All heavy atoms as atom14 arrays in JSON, in Angstrom:
{
  "sequence": "PGKERELVAGISWSGPMTSYSDSVKGRFAISRDDAK",
  "atom14_mask": [
    [1, 1, 1, 1, 1, 1, 1, 0, 0, 0, 0, 0, 0, 0],
    [1, 1, 1, 1, 0, 0, 0, 0, 0, 0, 0, 0, 0, 0],
    [1, 1, 1, 1, 1, 1, 1, 1, 1, 0, 0, 0, 0, 0],
    [1, 1, 1, 1, 1, 1, 1, 1, 1, 0, 0, 0, 0, 0],
    [1, 1, 1, 1, 1, 1, 1, 1, 1, 1, 1, 0, 0, 0],
    [1, 1, 1, 1, 1, 1, 1, 1, 1, 0, 0, 0, 0, 0],
    [1, 1, 1, 1, 1, 1, 1, 1, 0, 0, 0, 0, 0, 0],
    [1, 1, 1, 1, 1, 1, 1, 0, 0, 0, 0, 0, 0, 0],
    [1, 1, 1, 1, 1, 0, 0, 0, 0, 0, 0, 0, 0, 0],
    [1, 1, 1, 1, 0, 0, 0, 0, 0, 0, 0, 0, 0, 0],
    [1, 1, 1, 1, 1, 1, 1, 1, 0, 0, 0, 0, 0, 0],
    [1, 1, 1, 1, 1, 1, 0, 0, 0, 0, 0, 0, 0, 0],
    [1, 1, 1, 1, 1, 1, 1, 1, 1, 1, 1, 1, 1, 1],
    [1, 1, 1, 1, 1, 1, 0, 0, 0, 0, 0, 0, 0, 0],
    [1, 1, 1, 1, 0, 0, 0, 0, 0, 0, 0, 0, 0, 0],
    [1, 1, 1, 1, 1, 1, 1, 0, 0, 0, 0, 0, 0, 0],
    [1, 1, 1, 1, 1, 1, 1, 1, 0, 0, 0, 0, 0, 0],
    [1, 1, 1, 1, 1, 1, 1, 0, 0, 0, 0, 0, 0, 0],
    [1, 1, 1, 1, 1, 1, 0, 0, 0, 0, 0, 0, 0, 0],
    [1, 1, 1, 1, 1, 1, 1, 1, 1, 1, 1, 1, 0, 0],
    [1, 1, 1, 1, 1, 1, 0, 0, 0, 0, 0, 0, 0, 0],
    [1, 1, 1, 1, 1, 1, 1, 1, 0, 0, 0, 0, 0, 0],
    [1, 1, 1, 1, 1, 1, 0, 0, 0, 0, 0, 0, 0, 0],
    [1, 1, 1, 1, 1, 1, 1, 0, 0, 0, 0, 0, 0, 0],
    [1, 1, 1, 1, 1, 1, 1, 1, 1, 0, 0, 0, 0, 0],
    [1, 1, 1, 1, 0, 0, 0, 0, 0, 0, 0, 0, 0, 0],
    [1, 1, 1, 1, 1, 1, 1, 1, 1, 1, 1, 0, 0, 0],
    [1, 1, 1, 1, 1, 1, 1, 1, 1, 1, 1, 0, 0, 0],
    [1, 1, 1, 1, 1, 0, 0, 0, 0, 0, 0, 0, 0, 0],
    [1, 1, 1, 1, 1, 1, 1, 1, 0, 0, 0, 0, 0, 0],
    [1, 1, 1, 1, 1, 1, 0, 0, 0, 0, 0, 0, 0, 0],
    [1, 1, 1, 1, 1, 1, 1, 1, 1, 1, 1, 0, 0, 0],
    [1, 1, 1, 1, 1, 1, 1, 1, 0, 0, 0, 0, 0, 0],
    [1, 1, 1, 1, 1, 1, 1, 1, 0, 0, 0, 0, 0, 0],
    [1, 1, 1, 1, 1, 0, 0, 0, 0, 0, 0, 0, 0, 0],
    [1, 1, 1, 1, 1, 1, 1, 1, 1, 0, 0, 0, 0, 0]
  ],
  "atom14_positions": [
    [[102.47, 93.1, 89.23], [103.1, 93.02, 87.91], [102.16, 93.46, 86.8], [101.0, 93.03, 86.73], [103.45, 91.54, 87.78], [103.62, 91.08, 89.18], [102.59, 91.84, 89.97], [0.0, 0.0, 0.0], [0.0, 0.0, 0.0], [0.0, 0.0, 0.0], [0.0, 0.0, 0.0], [0.0, 0.0, 0.0], [0.0, 0.0, 0.0], [0.0, 0.0, 0.0]],
    [[102.66, 94.33, 85.93], [101.88, 94.8, 84.81], [100.85, 95.86, 85.14], [100.08, 96.25, 84.25], [0.0, 0.0, 0.0], [0.0, 0.0, 0.0], [0.0, 0.0, 0.0], [0.0, 0.0, 0.0], [0.0, 0.0, 0.0], [0.0, 0.0, 0.0], [0.0, 0.0, 0.0], [0.0, 0.0, 0.0], [0.0, 0.0, 0.0], [0.0, 0.0, 0.0]],
    [[100.81, 96.31, 86.37], [99.84, 97.3, 86.78], [100.52, 98.54, 87.33], [101.69, 98.5, 87.73], [98.89, 96.73, 87.84], [98.04, 95.56, 87.35], [97.07, 95.1, 88.42], [96.21, 93.97, 87.93], [95.26, 93.51, 88.99], [0.0, 0.0, 0.0], [0.0, 0.0, 0.0], [0.0, 0.0, 0.0], [0.0, 0.0, 0.0], [0.0, 0.0, 0.0]],
    [[99.8, 99.64, 87.34], [100.32, 100.87, 87.9], [100.22, 100.85, 89.42], [99.41, 100.14, 90.01], [99.55, 102.07, 87.35], [99.73, 102.29, 85.86], [99.05, 103.54, 85.37], [98.33, 104.18, 86.17], [99.23, 103.9, 84.2], [0.0, 0.0, 0.0], [0.0, 0.0, 0.0], [0.0, 0.0, 0.0], [0.0, 0.0, 0.0], [0.0, 0.0, 0.0]],
    [[101.09, 101.64, 90.03], [101.05, 101.77, 91.47], [99.74, 102.42, 91.9], [99.31, 103.42, 91.31], [102.25, 102.6, 91.94], [102.47, 102.58, 93.44], [103.78, 103.28, 93.79], [104.93, 102.6, 93.18], [106.19, 102.95, 93.38], [106.48, 103.96, 94.2], [107.16, 102.3, 92.78], [0.0, 0.0, 0.0], [0.0, 0.0, 0.0], [0.0, 0.0, 0.0]],
    [[99.1, 101.86, 92.92], [97.82, 102.37, 93.37], [97.85, 102.64, 94.87], [98.54, 101.96, 95.63], [96.69, 101.38, 93.04], [96.8, 100.05, 93.78], [95.59, 99.16, 93.59], [94.56, 99.64, 93.08], [95.67, 97.97, 93.95], [0.0, 0.0, 0.0], [0.0, 0.0, 0.0], [0.0, 0.0, 0.0], [0.0, 0.0, 0.0], [0.0, 0.0, 0.0]],
    [[97.07, 103.61, 95.27], [96.95, 103.95, 96.68], [96.12, 102.91, 97.39], [95.02, 102.58, 96.95], [96.32, 105.33, 96.82], [96.02, 105.8, 98.25], [97.31, 105.99, 99.04], [95.22, 107.1, 98.22], [0.0, 0.0, 0.0], [0.0, 0.0, 0.0], [0.0, 0.0, 0.0], [0.0, 0.0, 0.0], [0.0, 0.0, 0.0], [0.0, 0.0, 0.0]],
    [[96.63, 102.4, 98.5], [95.93, 101.44, 99.32], [95.28, 102.11, 100.52], [94.12, 101.87, 100.84], [96.87, 100.32, 99.79], [96.16, 99.37, 100.75], [97.42, 99.56, 98.59], [0.0, 0.0, 0.0], [0.0, 0.0, 0.0], [0.0, 0.0, 0.0], [0.0, 0.0, 0.0], [0.0, 0.0, 0.0], [0.0, 0.0, 0.0], [0.0, 0.0, 0.0]],
    [[96.05, 102.95, 101.21], [95.56, 103.61, 102.41], [96.35, 104.87, 102.67], [97.54, 104.95, 102.34], [95.64, 102.69, 103.62], [0.0, 0.0, 0.0], [0.0, 0.0, 0.0], [0.0, 0.0, 0.0], [0.0, 0.0, 0.0], [0.0, 0.0, 0.0], [0.0, 0.0, 0.0], [0.0, 0.0, 0.0], [0.0, 0.0, 0.0], [0.0, 0.0, 0.0]],
    [[95.71, 105.86, 103.26], [96.36, 107.09, 103.65], [95.96, 107.48, 105.05], [94.89, 107.11, 105.53], [0.0, 0.0, 0.0], [0.0, 0.0, 0.0], [0.0, 0.0, 0.0], [0.0, 0.0, 0.0], [0.0, 0.0, 0.0], [0.0, 0.0, 0.0], [0.0, 0.0, 0.0], [0.0, 0.0, 0.0], [0.0, 0.0, 0.0], [0.0, 0.0, 0.0]],
    [[96.83, 108.24, 105.71], [96.55, 108.69, 107.06], [97.09, 110.11, 107.23], [98.18, 110.43, 106.78], [97.14, 107.73, 108.11], [96.72, 108.13, 109.52], [98.67, 107.65, 107.99], [97.0, 107.04, 110.55], [0.0, 0.0, 0.0], [0.0, 0.0, 0.0], [0.0, 0.0, 0.0], [0.0, 0.0, 0.0], [0.0, 0.0, 0.0], [0.0, 0.0, 0.0]],
    [[96.3, 110.95, 107.9], [96.69, 112.32, 108.15], [97.29, 112.47, 109.54], [97.12, 111.6, 110.41], [95.48, 113.24, 108.0], [94.57, 113.05, 109.08], [0.0, 0.0, 0.0], [0.0, 0.0, 0.0], [0.0, 0.0, 0.0], [0.0, 0.0, 0.0], [0.0, 0.0, 0.0], [0.0, 0.0, 0.0], [0.0, 0.0, 0.0], [0.0, 0.0, 0.0]],
    [[97.96, 113.6, 109.76], [98.41, 113.92, 111.11], [97.24, 114.34, 111.98], [97.13, 113.93, 113.13], [99.44, 115.05, 111.05], [99.66, 115.68, 112.39], [100.42, 115.2, 113.41], [99.08, 116.91, 112.87], [100.37, 116.04, 114.5], [99.57, 117.1, 114.2], [98.23, 117.86, 112.31], [99.19, 118.21, 114.96], [97.87, 118.97, 113.07], [98.35, 119.14, 114.37]],
    [[96.36, 115.16, 111.44], [95.24, 115.7, 112.18], [94.13, 114.67, 112.28], [93.68, 114.11, 111.28], [94.73, 116.96, 111.5], [93.6, 117.48, 112.17], [0.0, 0.0, 0.0], [0.0, 0.0, 0.0], [0.0, 0.0, 0.0], [0.0, 0.0, 0.0], [0.0, 0.0, 0.0], [0.0, 0.0, 0.0], [0.0, 0.0, 0.0], [0.0, 0.0, 0.0]],
    [[93.7, 114.41, 113.48], [92.62, 113.45, 113.71], [93.06, 112.17, 114.42], [92.79, 112.01, 115.62], [0.0, 0.0, 0.0], [0.0, 0.0, 0.0], [0.0, 0.0, 0.0], [0.0, 0.0, 0.0], [0.0, 0.0, 0.0], [0.0, 0.0, 0.0], [0.0, 0.0, 0.0], [0.0, 0.0, 0.0], [0.0, 0.0, 0.0], [0.0, 0.0, 0.0]],
    [[93.73, 111.27, 113.75], [93.99, 111.26, 112.32], [92.79, 110.8, 111.5], [91.93, 110.07, 111.99], [95.14, 110.27, 112.18], [94.87, 109.26, 113.25], [94.31, 110.07, 114.41], [0.0, 0.0, 0.0], [0.0, 0.0, 0.0], [0.0, 0.0, 0.0], [0.0, 0.0, 0.0], [0.0, 0.0, 0.0], [0.0, 0.0, 0.0], [0.0, 0.0, 0.0]],
    [[92.76, 111.25, 110.28], [91.8, 110.74, 109.32], [92.46, 109.66, 108.48], [93.67, 109.71, 108.24], [91.3, 111.87, 108.42], [90.56, 112.96, 109.15], [90.05, 114.32, 108.07], [91.65, 115.04, 107.71], [0.0, 0.0, 0.0], [0.0, 0.0, 0.0], [0.0, 0.0, 0.0], [0.0, 0.0, 0.0], [0.0, 0.0, 0.0], [0.0, 0.0, 0.0]],
    [[91.69, 108.7, 108.06], [92.2, 107.61, 107.25], [91.3, 107.38, 106.05], [90.11, 107.7, 106.07], [92.31, 106.3, 108.04], [91.02, 105.94, 108.56], [93.29, 106.46, 109.2], [0.0, 0.0, 0.0], [0.0, 0.0, 0.0], [0.0, 0.0, 0.0], [0.0, 0.0, 0.0], [0.0, 0.0, 0.0], [0.0, 0.0, 0.0], [0.0, 0.0, 0.0]],
    [[91.88, 106.82, 105.01], [91.13, 106.44, 103.83], [91.7, 105.14, 103.27], [92.88, 104.83, 103.46], [91.17, 107.54, 102.76], [92.5, 107.74, 102.29], [0.0, 0.0, 0.0], [0.0, 0.0, 0.0], [0.0, 0.0, 0.0], [0.0, 0.0, 0.0], [0.0, 0.0, 0.0], [0.0, 0.0, 0.0], [0.0, 0.0, 0.0], [0.0, 0.0, 0.0]],
    [[90.84, 104.39, 102.58], [91.22, 103.09, 102.06], [90.63, 102.89, 100.68], [89.55, 103.41, 100.36], [90.71, 101.96, 102.96], [91.24, 102.02, 104.37], [90.54, 102.7, 105.36], [92.43, 101.41, 104.71], [91.02, 102.77, 106.65], [92.92, 101.47, 106.0], [92.2, 102.16, 106.97], [92.69, 102.22, 108.25], [0.0, 0.0, 0.0], [0.0, 0.0, 0.0]],
    [[91.33, 102.13, 99.88], [90.75, 101.72, 98.62], [89.61, 100.74, 98.88], [89.61, 100.03, 99.9], [91.8, 101.08, 97.71], [92.27, 99.86, 98.25], [0.0, 0.0, 0.0], [0.0, 0.0, 0.0], [0.0, 0.0, 0.0], [0.0, 0.0, 0.0], [0.0, 0.0, 0.0], [0.0, 0.0, 0.0], [0.0, 0.0, 0.0], [0.0, 0.0, 0.0]],
    [[88.67, 100.69, 97.98], [87.51, 99.82, 98.18], [87.92, 98.35, 98.3], [87.27, 97.58, 99.01], [86.52, 99.99, 97.03], [85.81, 101.32, 97.07], [85.77, 101.95, 98.15], [85.27, 101.74, 96.03], [0.0, 0.0, 0.0], [0.0, 0.0, 0.0], [0.0, 0.0, 0.0], [0.0, 0.0, 0.0], [0.0, 0.0, 0.0], [0.0, 0.0, 0.0]],
    [[88.97, 97.96, 97.63], [89.37, 96.57, 97.6], [89.91, 96.07, 98.94], [89.93, 94.86, 99.18], [90.4, 96.32, 96.5], [91.58, 97.06, 96.73], [0.0, 0.0, 0.0], [0.0, 0.0, 0.0], [0.0, 0.0, 0.0], [0.0, 0.0, 0.0], [0.0, 0.0, 0.0], [0.0, 0.0, 0.0], [0.0, 0.0, 0.0], [0.0, 0.0, 0.0]],
    [[90.37, 96.97, 99.8], [90.95, 96.56, 101.08], [90.14, 97.04, 102.27], [90.44, 96.65, 103.41], [92.4, 97.04, 101.22], [93.23, 96.62, 100.01], [92.47, 98.55, 101.42], [0.0, 0.0, 0.0], [0.0, 0.0, 0.0], [0.0, 0.0, 0.0], [0.0, 0.0, 0.0], [0.0, 0.0, 0.0], [0.0, 0.0, 0.0], [0.0, 0.0, 0.0]],
    [[89.14, 97.84, 102.05], [88.35, 98.39, 103.14], [87.73, 97.27, 103.97], [87.15, 96.33, 103.43], [87.27, 99.32, 102.59], [86.57, 100.17, 103.63], [85.65, 101.2, 102.96], [86.43, 102.14, 102.06], [85.56, 103.18, 101.44], [0.0, 0.0, 0.0], [0.0, 0.0, 0.0], [0.0, 0.0, 0.0], [0.0, 0.0, 0.0], [0.0, 0.0, 0.0]],
    [[87.87, 97.39, 105.28], [87.37, 96.38, 106.19], [88.35, 95.28, 106.49], [88.14, 94.5, 107.43], [0.0, 0.0, 0.0], [0.0, 0.0, 0.0], [0.0, 0.0, 0.0], [0.0, 0.0, 0.0], [0.0, 0.0, 0.0], [0.0, 0.0, 0.0], [0.0, 0.0, 0.0], [0.0, 0.0, 0.0], [0.0, 0.0, 0.0], [0.0, 0.0, 0.0]],
    [[89.43, 95.19, 105.72], [90.45, 94.16, 105.93], [91.79, 94.75, 106.37], [92.52, 94.12, 107.13], [90.66, 93.34, 104.66], [89.42, 92.6, 104.19], [89.73, 91.66, 103.02], [90.2, 92.39, 101.84], [91.41, 92.25, 101.3], [92.28, 91.39, 101.82], [91.74, 92.95, 100.22], [0.0, 0.0, 0.0], [0.0, 0.0, 0.0], [0.0, 0.0, 0.0]],
    [[92.11, 95.92, 105.87], [93.38, 96.57, 106.18], [93.13, 97.74, 107.13], [92.06, 98.35, 107.12], [94.05, 97.11, 104.92], [94.58, 96.07, 103.97], [94.28, 94.73, 104.12], [95.39, 96.45, 102.92], [94.76, 93.78, 103.24], [95.89, 95.51, 102.03], [95.57, 94.18, 102.18], [0.0, 0.0, 0.0], [0.0, 0.0, 0.0], [0.0, 0.0, 0.0]],
    [[94.15, 98.08, 107.91], [94.08, 99.23, 108.8], [95.42, 99.94, 108.82], [96.45, 99.31, 109.08], [93.67, 98.81, 110.2], [0.0, 0.0, 0.0], [0.0, 0.0, 0.0], [0.0, 0.0, 0.0], [0.0, 0.0, 0.0], [0.0, 0.0, 0.0], [0.0, 0.0, 0.0], [0.0, 0.0, 0.0], [0.0, 0.0, 0.0], [0.0, 0.0, 0.0]],
    [[95.4, 101.22, 108.55], [96.61, 102.03, 108.62], [96.64, 102.75, 109.96], [95.61, 103.18, 110.47], [96.68, 103.03, 107.45], [98.02, 103.76, 107.43], [95.51, 104.01, 107.48], [98.24, 104.61, 106.17], [0.0, 0.0, 0.0], [0.0, 0.0, 0.0], [0.0, 0.0, 0.0], [0.0, 0.0, 0.0], [0.0, 0.0, 0.0], [0.0, 0.0, 0.0]],
    [[97.82, 102.86, 110.54], [97.98, 103.55, 111.81], [99.35, 104.21, 111.84], [100.16, 104.02, 110.93], [97.81, 102.59, 112.99], [98.79, 101.56, 112.95], [0.0, 0.0, 0.0], [0.0, 0.0, 0.0], [0.0, 0.0, 0.0], [0.0, 0.0, 0.0], [0.0, 0.0, 0.0], [0.0, 0.0, 0.0], [0.0, 0.0, 0.0], [0.0, 0.0, 0.0]],
    [[99.6, 104.97, 112.9], [100.87, 105.68, 112.99], [101.32, 105.79, 114.44], [100.5, 105.76, 115.37], [100.74, 107.08, 112.38], [99.75, 107.98, 113.11], [99.52, 109.28, 112.34], [100.76, 109.97, 112.06], [101.06, 110.54, 110.89], [100.18, 110.5, 109.9], [102.22, 111.14, 110.73], [0.0, 0.0, 0.0], [0.0, 0.0, 0.0], [0.0, 0.0, 0.0]],
    [[102.61, 105.91, 114.62], [103.22, 106.16, 115.91], [104.14, 107.35, 115.72], [105.25, 107.21, 115.19], [103.99, 104.94, 116.41], [104.54, 105.11, 117.81], [104.81, 106.25, 118.22], [104.7, 104.1, 118.51], [0.0, 0.0, 0.0], [0.0, 0.0, 0.0], [0.0, 0.0, 0.0], [0.0, 0.0, 0.0], [0.0, 0.0, 0.0], [0.0, 0.0, 0.0]],
    [[103.69, 108.51, 116.14], [104.44, 109.73, 115.87], [105.77, 109.76, 116.62], [106.75, 110.33, 116.13], [103.61, 110.96, 116.24], [102.44, 111.17, 115.29], [102.52, 110.69, 114.14], [101.46, 111.82, 115.69], [0.0, 0.0, 0.0], [0.0, 0.0, 0.0], [0.0, 0.0, 0.0], [0.0, 0.0, 0.0], [0.0, 0.0, 0.0], [0.0, 0.0, 0.0]],
    [[105.83, 109.17, 117.81], [107.07, 109.13, 118.56], [108.15, 108.36, 117.81], [109.33, 108.69, 117.89], [106.85, 108.53, 119.94], [0.0, 0.0, 0.0], [0.0, 0.0, 0.0], [0.0, 0.0, 0.0], [0.0, 0.0, 0.0], [0.0, 0.0, 0.0], [0.0, 0.0, 0.0], [0.0, 0.0, 0.0], [0.0, 0.0, 0.0], [0.0, 0.0, 0.0]],
    [[107.75, 107.31, 117.1], [108.68, 106.5, 116.32], [108.79, 106.95, 114.87], [109.59, 106.37, 114.12], [108.27, 105.04, 116.37], [108.29, 104.42, 117.76], [107.86, 102.96, 117.71], [107.9, 102.32, 119.07], [107.45, 100.9, 119.03], [0.0, 0.0, 0.0], [0.0, 0.0, 0.0], [0.0, 0.0, 0.0], [0.0, 0.0, 0.0], [0.0, 0.0, 0.0]]
  ]
}
C-alpha cells in the first residue's frame, strides 16, 4: 500500500538465470516448469 510495484525476482528461459531484489535474496527462490 502506498508504494510502487517493484521487481522481486526474474527468471530467464536460457540457463535459467535468476535475479532477486536485495530485500529477498537468500529467502526467496524463483523457478519454472516449462512443461506446465
